[in-house]
Amino acid sequence: MNEITYPIILTYEDNMIYGGVPDLNIDNYATFGETVEEVLDNLKEIITLTLSDLEDNKNEFPKASEVKELKKILEDNQDILLLNMWLPYEKSKLKLEYKKKTLSIPTWLDILATQKNLNFSQILVKAIKKELNIKE
């Protein structure tokens, strides 16, 4: 199972946003942040770890609840969002692995870069992150 979607509950309290995933028994106060994006990022990590643990133990993933059913139990300071994520990508973010790539550059550029002891891999990673607008 690669793409997963679970409803999450956001709780707005004391100028903070808290998040949880009822279907995975992740408490509504399991994580928090100042923005919804921050809470979603934190929840993605928690969900990935929870689902990885289920996978490792050969357990099935819980079925996602219907949003209309969860709305019945919401309090005034809570909202529901559907969080969709691609599990292989989220797993790869937790465990930093490197992929070997073959690179072709002009010989003259290789000579100059080698003289300056430049790290090709490091430069390529920085350039790709910049191209994708990924901030460190």
C-alpha atoms as a PDB file:
ATOM      1  CA  MET A   1       0.000   0.000   0.000  1.00  0.00           C
ATOM      2  CA  ASN A   2       1.711   3.172  -1.169  1.00  0.00           C
ATOM      3  CA  GLU A   3      -0.779   6.021  -0.984  1.00  0.00           C
ATOM      4  CA  ILE A   4      -2.732   6.408   2.223  1.00  0.00           C
ATOM      5  CA  THR A   5      -5.380   8.810   3.454  1.00  0.00           C
ATOM      6  CA  TYR A   6      -6.542   9.215   7.022  1.00  0.00           C
ATOM      7  CA  PRO A   7      -8.782  11.816   8.620  1.00  0.00           C
ATOM      8  CA  ILE A   8      -6.985  13.862  11.231  1.00  0.00           C
ATOM      9  CA  ILE A   9      -8.432  15.978  13.980  1.00  0.00           C
ATOM     10  CA  LEU A  10      -7.007  19.429  14.592  1.00  0.00           C
ATOM     11  CA  THR A  11      -7.679  21.034  17.968  1.00  0.00           C
ATOM     12  CA  TYR A  12      -7.250  24.802  18.356  1.00  0.00           C
ATOM     13  CA  GLU A  13      -6.369  25.686  21.921  1.00  0.00           C
ATOM     14  CA  ASP A  14      -4.193  28.241  23.750  1.00  0.00           C
ATOM     15  CA  ASN A  15      -2.904  29.822  20.502  1.00  0.00           C
ATOM     16  CA  MET A  16      -1.613  26.429  19.364  1.00  0.00           C
ATOM     17  CA  ILE A  17      -2.849  23.760  16.997  1.00  0.00           C
ATOM     18  CA  TYR A  18      -2.800  20.141  18.150  1.00  0.00           C
ATOM     19  CA  GLY A  19      -3.238  17.101  15.938  1.00  0.00           C
ATOM     20  CA  GLY A  20      -4.190  13.465  16.167  1.00  0.00           C
ATOM     21  CA  VAL A  21      -5.300  10.495  14.080  1.00  0.00           C
ATOM     22  CA  PRO A  22      -8.166   8.564  15.695  1.00  0.00           C
ATOM     23  CA  ASP A  23      -7.949   5.589  13.311  1.00  0.00           C
ATOM     24  CA  LEU A  24      -4.345   4.952  14.354  1.00  0.00           C
ATOM     25  CA  ASN A  25      -4.972   5.568  18.064  1.00  0.00           C
ATOM     26  CA  ILE A  26      -2.854   8.707  17.880  1.00  0.00           C
ATOM     27  CA  ASP A  27      -4.168  11.047  20.560  1.00  0.00           C
ATOM     28  CA  ASN A  28      -5.533  14.459  19.491  1.00  0.00           C
ATOM     29  CA  TYR A  29      -2.704  16.084  21.446  1.00  0.00           C
ATOM     30  CA  ALA A  30       0.061  13.850  20.056  1.00  0.00           C
ATOM     31  CA  THR A  31       1.715  16.765  18.304  1.00  0.00           C
ATOM     32  CA  PHE A  32       1.349  20.508  18.038  1.00  0.00           C
ATOM     33  CA  GLY A  33       2.494  23.520  16.101  1.00  0.00           C
ATOM     34  CA  GLU A  34       1.834  27.161  15.414  1.00  0.00           C
ATOM     35  CA  THR A  35       0.577  26.456  11.879  1.00  0.00           C
ATOM     36  CA  VAL A  36      -1.521  23.731  10.283  1.00  0.00           C
ATOM     37  CA  GLU A  37       1.423  22.925   7.984  1.00  0.00           C
ATOM     38  CA  GLU A  38       3.703  22.335  10.967  1.00  0.00           C
ATOM     39  CA  VAL A  39       1.160  20.008  12.585  1.00  0.00           C
ATOM     40  CA  LEU A  40       0.652  18.121   9.303  1.00  0.00           C
ATOM     41  CA  ASP A  41       4.407  17.606   8.905  1.00  0.00           C
ATOM     42  CA  ASN A  42       4.631  16.286  12.471  1.00  0.00           C
ATOM     43  CA  LEU A  43       1.640  14.000  11.948  1.00  0.00           C
ATOM     44  CA  LYS A  44       3.109  12.608   8.736  1.00  0.00           C
ATOM     45  CA  GLU A  45       6.163  11.518  10.696  1.00  0.00           C
ATOM     46  CA  ILE A  46       4.073   9.958  13.483  1.00  0.00           C
ATOM     47  CA  ILE A  47       1.799   8.198  10.973  1.00  0.00           C
ATOM     48  CA  THR A  48       4.798   6.884   9.031  1.00  0.00           C
ATOM     49  CA  LEU A  49       6.380   5.462  12.181  1.00  0.00           C
ATOM     50  CA  THR A  50       3.069   3.947  13.317  1.00  0.00           C
ATOM     51  CA  LEU A  51       2.351   2.327   9.941  1.00  0.00           C
ATOM     52  CA  SER A  52       5.946   1.110   9.617  1.00  0.00           C
ATOM     53  CA  ASP A  53       5.584  -0.594  12.978  1.00  0.00           C
ATOM     54  CA  LEU A  54       2.335  -2.248  11.852  1.00  0.00           C
ATOM     55  CA  GLU A  55       4.051  -3.388   8.645  1.00  0.00           C
ATOM     56  CA  ASP A  56       7.047  -4.774  10.517  1.00  0.00           C
ATOM     57  CA  ASN A  57       4.700  -6.817  12.709  1.00  0.00           C
ATOM     58  CA  LYS A  58       2.731  -8.057   9.663  1.00  0.00           C
ATOM     59  CA  ASN A  59      -0.430  -6.237  10.789  1.00  0.00           C
ATOM     60  CA  GLU A  60      -2.896  -4.624   8.415  1.00  0.00           C
ATOM     61  CA  PHE A  61      -3.408  -0.883   8.346  1.00  0.00           C
ATOM     62  CA  PRO A  62      -6.631   0.258  10.018  1.00  0.00           C
ATOM     63  CA  LYS A  63      -9.421   1.343   7.711  1.00  0.00           C
ATOM     64  CA  ALA A  64      -9.991   5.089   7.576  1.00  0.00           C
ATOM     65  CA  SER A  65     -13.141   6.365   9.271  1.00  0.00           C
ATOM     66  CA  GLU A  66     -15.805   8.250   7.397  1.00  0.00           C
ATOM     67  CA  VAL A  67     -15.478  12.002   7.928  1.00  0.00           C
ATOM     68  CA  LYS A  68     -19.227  12.341   8.530  1.00  0.00           C
ATOM     69  CA  GLU A  69     -18.939   9.883  11.434  1.00  0.00           C
ATOM     70  CA  LEU A  70     -16.014  11.736  12.995  1.00  0.00           C
ATOM     71  CA  LYS A  71     -17.844  15.067  12.665  1.00  0.00           C
ATOM     72  CA  LYS A  72     -20.380  13.750  15.188  1.00  0.00           C
ATOM     73  CA  ILE A  73     -17.749  13.694  17.938  1.00  0.00           C
ATOM     74  CA  LEU A  74     -16.029  17.010  17.154  1.00  0.00           C
ATOM     75  CA  GLU A  75     -15.901  19.770  19.714  1.00  0.00           C
ATOM     76  CA  ASP A  76     -16.320  23.451  18.814  1.00  0.00           C
ATOM     77  CA  ASN A  77     -12.555  24.044  18.716  1.00  0.00           C
ATOM     78  CA  GLN A  78     -11.834  21.114  16.376  1.00  0.00           C
ATOM     79  CA  ASP A  79     -11.690  20.535  12.619  1.00  0.00           C
ATOM     80  CA  ILE A  80     -11.192  17.477  10.449  1.00  0.00           C
ATOM     81  CA  LEU A  81      -8.819  17.289   7.501  1.00  0.00           C
ATOM     82  CA  LEU A  82      -8.036  14.387   5.208  1.00  0.00           C
ATOM     83  CA  LEU A  83      -4.297  13.805   5.177  1.00  0.00           C
ATOM     84  CA  ASN A  84      -3.070  12.051   2.044  1.00  0.00           C
ATOM     85  CA  MET A  85       0.506  10.890   1.818  1.00  0.00           C
ATOM     86  CA  TRP A  86       2.699   8.620  -0.244  1.00  0.00           C
ATOM     87  CA  LEU A  87       4.197   6.226   2.282  1.00  0.00           C
ATOM     88  CA  PRO A  88       7.436   5.309   0.420  1.00  0.00           C
ATOM     89  CA  TYR A  89       8.358   8.990   0.182  1.00  0.00           C
ATOM     90  CA  GLU A  90       7.565   9.659   3.845  1.00  0.00           C
ATOM     91  CA  LYS A  91       9.616   6.610   4.883  1.00  0.00           C
ATOM     92  CA  SER A  92      12.565   7.817   2.831  1.00  0.00           C
ATOM     93  CA  LYS A  93      12.496  11.142   4.702  1.00  0.00           C
ATOM     94  CA  LEU A  94      12.843   9.344   8.031  1.00  0.00           C
ATOM     95  CA  LYS A  95      15.757   7.199   6.969  1.00  0.00           C
ATOM     96  CA  LEU A  96      18.276   9.181   4.986  1.00  0.00           C
ATOM     97  CA  GLU A  97      19.624   6.949   2.278  1.00  0.00           C
ATOM     98  CA  TYR A  98      21.771   7.915  -0.641  1.00  0.00           C
ATOM     99  CA  LYS A  99      21.251   6.841  -4.213  1.00  0.00           C
ATOM    100  CA  LYS A 100      24.316   6.513  -6.423  1.00  0.00           C
ATOM    101  CA  LYS A 101      24.021   8.420  -9.704  1.00  0.00           C
ATOM    102  CA  THR A 102      26.352   8.560 -12.671  1.00  0.00           C
ATOM    103  CA  LEU A 103      27.231  12.069 -13.705  1.00  0.00           C
ATOM    104  CA  SER A 104      28.614  13.382 -16.991  1.00  0.00           C
ATOM    105  CA  ILE A 105      30.333  16.750 -17.086  1.00  0.00           C
ATOM    106  CA  PRO A 106      32.818  18.340 -19.480  1.00  0.00           C
ATOM    107  CA  THR A 107      36.428  17.254 -18.899  1.00  0.00           C
ATOM    108  CA  TRP A 108      37.661  20.812 -18.402  1.00  0.00           C
ATOM    109  CA  LEU A 109      35.075  21.348 -15.647  1.00  0.00           C
ATOM    110  CA  ASP A 110      36.110  18.107 -13.943  1.00  0.00           C
ATOM    111  CA  ILE A 111      39.774  19.194 -13.980  1.00  0.00           C
ATOM    112  CA  LEU A 112      39.016  22.592 -12.434  1.00  0.00           C
ATOM    113  CA  ALA A 113      36.659  21.157  -9.819  1.00  0.00           C
ATOM    114  CA  THR A 114      39.113  18.414  -8.870  1.00  0.00           C
ATOM    115  CA  GLN A 115      41.896  21.004  -8.410  1.00  0.00           C
ATOM    116  CA  LYS A 116      39.624  22.873  -5.987  1.00  0.00           C
ATOM    117  CA  ASN A 117      38.720  19.628  -4.154  1.00  0.00           C
ATOM    118  CA  LEU A 118      35.030  20.216  -4.775  1.00  0.00           C
ATOM    119  CA  ASN A 119      32.574  17.601  -3.531  1.00  0.00           C
ATOM    120  CA  PHE A 120      30.431  16.788  -6.590  1.00  0.00           C
ATOM    121  CA  SER A 121      27.737  14.998  -4.607  1.00  0.00           C
ATOM    122  CA  GLN A 122      27.336  17.855  -2.165  1.00  0.00           C
ATOM    123  CA  ILE A 123      27.132  20.422  -4.956  1.00  0.00           C
ATOM    124  CA  LEU A 124      24.598  18.343  -6.879  1.00  0.00           C
ATOM    125  CA  VAL A 125      22.390  17.909  -3.803  1.00  0.00           C
ATOM    126  CA  LYS A 126      22.438  21.670  -3.148  1.00  0.00           C
ATOM    127  CA  ALA A 127      21.635  22.431  -6.794  1.00  0.00           C
ATOM    128  CA  ILE A 128      18.727  19.970  -6.917  1.00  0.00           C
ATOM    129  CA  LYS A 129      17.300  21.327  -3.650  1.00  0.00           C
ATOM    130  CA  LYS A 130      17.573  24.867  -5.023  1.00  0.00           C
ATOM    131  CA  GLU A 131      15.879  23.835  -8.277  1.00  0.00           C
ATOM    132  CA  LEU A 132      13.041  22.208  -6.295  1.00  0.00           C
ATOM    133  CA  ASN A 133      12.764  25.171  -3.866  1.00  0.00           C
ATOM    134  CA  ILE A 134      13.558  22.930  -0.890  1.00  0.00           C
ATOM    135  CA  LYS A 135      14.733  24.947   2.071  1.00  0.00           C
ATOM    136  CA  GLU A 136      17.248  23.460   4.532  1.00  0.00           C
END
